[in-house]
Amino acid sequence: MAELEVEIVAADHFVWSGAASLVKARTSDGEIGVMPGHSPVLAILAPGELAIEPTSGSRITVQSEGGFFSVDKDRVVIVADNAQLDESATAGNR
């Protein structure tokens, strides 16, 4: 089964990385959902919630204050101005 390689970093700290089947985010152009095989995208990340469905474990949510969202060859990189992993999320935390 195909999967996404996801990495989320804030300006001054690492937030999360791992394998996922789906990433949802809010961009300046609206909501985006990314699954394996998605076409390349570079977007401005709007403040709000990021949702990640990891390949193992439960859903992960991250609160973000904006930044950039990049998709290329099943790799999703999110560089946020500031981002915090929700306290209930621990699965896949590296």
C-alpha atoms as a PDB file:
ATOM      1  CA  MET A   1       0.000   0.000   0.000  1.00  0.00           C
ATOM      2  CA  ALA A   2       1.333   3.433  -0.928  1.00  0.00           C
ATOM      3  CA  GLU A   3       1.988   5.939   1.819  1.00  0.00           C
ATOM      4  CA  LEU A   4       3.059   9.520   2.318  1.00  0.00           C
ATOM      5  CA  GLU A   5       6.278  10.535   4.011  1.00  0.00           C
ATOM      6  CA  VAL A   6       5.288  13.493   6.216  1.00  0.00           C
ATOM      7  CA  GLU A   7       7.509  15.989   8.007  1.00  0.00           C
ATOM      8  CA  ILE A   8       6.266  18.955  10.042  1.00  0.00           C
ATOM      9  CA  VAL A   9       8.664  21.553  11.405  1.00  0.00           C
ATOM     10  CA  ALA A  10       8.143  24.947  12.985  1.00  0.00           C
ATOM     11  CA  ALA A  11      10.498  27.884  12.629  1.00  0.00           C
ATOM     12  CA  ASP A  12      12.355  26.932  15.811  1.00  0.00           C
ATOM     13  CA  HIS A  13      11.524  23.270  16.528  1.00  0.00           C
ATOM     14  CA  PHE A  14      10.715  19.851  15.105  1.00  0.00           C
ATOM     15  CA  VAL A  15       7.027  18.858  15.394  1.00  0.00           C
ATOM     16  CA  TRP A  16       6.367  15.416  13.837  1.00  0.00           C
ATOM     17  CA  SER A  17       7.398  13.034  11.062  1.00  0.00           C
ATOM     18  CA  GLY A  18       6.201   9.648   9.935  1.00  0.00           C
ATOM     19  CA  ALA A  19       4.264   7.641   7.387  1.00  0.00           C
ATOM     20  CA  ALA A  20       0.657   8.589   6.683  1.00  0.00           C
ATOM     21  CA  SER A  21      -2.210   7.695   4.378  1.00  0.00           C
ATOM     22  CA  LEU A  22      -3.815  11.165   4.444  1.00  0.00           C
ATOM     23  CA  VAL A  23      -2.882  14.745   5.354  1.00  0.00           C
ATOM     24  CA  LYS A  24      -5.475  17.533   5.570  1.00  0.00           C
ATOM     25  CA  ALA A  25      -4.650  21.209   5.932  1.00  0.00           C
ATOM     26  CA  ARG A  26      -6.056  24.668   5.392  1.00  0.00           C
ATOM     27  CA  THR A  27      -4.249  26.783   2.803  1.00  0.00           C
ATOM     28  CA  SER A  28      -4.787  30.366   1.701  1.00  0.00           C
ATOM     29  CA  ASP A  29      -6.819  28.934  -1.230  1.00  0.00           C
ATOM     30  CA  GLY A  30      -8.967  26.626   0.926  1.00  0.00           C
ATOM     31  CA  GLU A  31      -8.872  23.111   2.382  1.00  0.00           C
ATOM     32  CA  ILE A  32      -6.522  20.515   0.884  1.00  0.00           C
ATOM     33  CA  GLY A  33      -6.438  16.771   1.364  1.00  0.00           C
ATOM     34  CA  VAL A  34      -3.416  14.813   0.188  1.00  0.00           C
ATOM     35  CA  MET A  35      -3.244  11.058  -0.395  1.00  0.00           C
ATOM     36  CA  PRO A  36      -0.469   8.995  -2.005  1.00  0.00           C
ATOM     37  CA  GLY A  37      -0.110   9.806  -5.707  1.00  0.00           C
ATOM     38  CA  HIS A  38      -1.184  13.452  -5.299  1.00  0.00           C
ATOM     39  CA  SER A  39       0.195  15.876  -7.862  1.00  0.00           C
ATOM     40  CA  PRO A  40       2.941  18.288  -6.715  1.00  0.00           C
ATOM     41  CA  VAL A  41       1.691  21.347  -4.811  1.00  0.00           C
ATOM     42  CA  LEU A  42       3.271  24.323  -3.097  1.00  0.00           C
ATOM     43  CA  ALA A  43       0.814  26.370  -1.036  1.00  0.00           C
ATOM     44  CA  ILE A  44       0.695  28.984   1.693  1.00  0.00           C
ATOM     45  CA  LEU A  45      -0.520  27.386   4.907  1.00  0.00           C
ATOM     46  CA  ALA A  46      -3.299  29.283   6.673  1.00  0.00           C
ATOM     47  CA  PRO A  47      -3.616  29.276  10.469  1.00  0.00           C
ATOM     48  CA  GLY A  48      -5.630  26.311  11.704  1.00  0.00           C
ATOM     49  CA  GLU A  49      -5.570  22.585  12.244  1.00  0.00           C
ATOM     50  CA  LEU A  50      -3.524  20.008  10.354  1.00  0.00           C
ATOM     51  CA  ALA A  51      -4.901  16.462  10.456  1.00  0.00           C
ATOM     52  CA  ILE A  52      -2.729  13.424   9.774  1.00  0.00           C
ATOM     53  CA  GLU A  53      -3.926   9.837   9.427  1.00  0.00           C
ATOM     54  CA  PRO A  54      -0.767   7.840  10.187  1.00  0.00           C
ATOM     55  CA  THR A  55      -0.371   4.364   8.702  1.00  0.00           C
ATOM     56  CA  SER A  56      -0.336   3.030  12.270  1.00  0.00           C
ATOM     57  CA  GLY A  57      -1.855   4.594  15.342  1.00  0.00           C
ATOM     58  CA  SER A  58      -4.629   7.105  15.774  1.00  0.00           C
ATOM     59  CA  ARG A  59      -5.271  10.445  14.072  1.00  0.00           C
ATOM     60  CA  ILE A  60      -2.818  13.235  14.843  1.00  0.00           C
ATOM     61  CA  THR A  61      -3.733  16.912  14.930  1.00  0.00           C
ATOM     62  CA  VAL A  62      -1.388  19.870  14.913  1.00  0.00           C
ATOM     63  CA  GLN A  63      -2.313  23.502  15.511  1.00  0.00           C
ATOM     64  CA  SER A  64      -0.462  25.740  13.064  1.00  0.00           C
ATOM     65  CA  GLU A  65      -0.107  29.503  12.725  1.00  0.00           C
ATOM     66  CA  GLY A  66       0.661  29.542   9.001  1.00  0.00           C
ATOM     67  CA  GLY A  67       3.675  28.729   6.846  1.00  0.00           C
ATOM     68  CA  PHE A  68       4.201  26.616   3.723  1.00  0.00           C
ATOM     69  CA  PHE A  69       2.773  23.283   2.542  1.00  0.00           C
ATOM     70  CA  SER A  70       4.680  21.267  -0.067  1.00  0.00           C
ATOM     71  CA  VAL A  71       3.805  17.980  -1.796  1.00  0.00           C
ATOM     72  CA  ASP A  72       6.168  16.187  -4.174  1.00  0.00           C
ATOM     73  CA  LYS A  73       6.485  12.465  -4.963  1.00  0.00           C
ATOM     74  CA  ASP A  74       4.493  11.227  -1.934  1.00  0.00           C
ATOM     75  CA  ARG A  75       6.468  13.495   0.393  1.00  0.00           C
ATOM     76  CA  VAL A  76       4.645  16.192   2.351  1.00  0.00           C
ATOM     77  CA  VAL A  77       6.728  18.879   4.031  1.00  0.00           C
ATOM     78  CA  ILE A  78       5.056  21.473   6.224  1.00  0.00           C
ATOM     79  CA  VAL A  79       7.133  24.401   7.445  1.00  0.00           C
ATOM     80  CA  ALA A  80       5.019  26.356   9.896  1.00  0.00           C
ATOM     81  CA  ASP A  81       5.624  29.731  11.497  1.00  0.00           C
ATOM     82  CA  ASN A  82       4.621  28.053  14.751  1.00  0.00           C
ATOM     83  CA  ALA A  83       3.049  24.642  15.310  1.00  0.00           C
ATOM     84  CA  GLN A  84       2.133  22.528  18.312  1.00  0.00           C
ATOM     85  CA  LEU A  85       1.234  18.860  18.370  1.00  0.00           C
ATOM     86  CA  ASP A  86      -2.043  18.301  20.235  1.00  0.00           C
ATOM     87  CA  GLU A  87      -1.323  16.767  23.630  1.00  0.00           C
ATOM     88  CA  SER A  88      -3.366  13.622  22.976  1.00  0.00           C
ATOM     89  CA  ALA A  89      -1.212  12.686  19.969  1.00  0.00           C
ATOM     90  CA  THR A  90       1.847  10.572  20.660  1.00  0.00           C
ATOM     91  CA  ALA A  91       1.769   7.845  17.990  1.00  0.00           C
ATOM     92  CA  GLY A  92       4.380   8.296  15.283  1.00  0.00           C
ATOM     93  CA  ASN A  93       6.147  11.029  17.200  1.00  0.00           C
ATOM     94  CA  ARG A  94       9.842  11.008  16.290  1.00  0.00           C
END
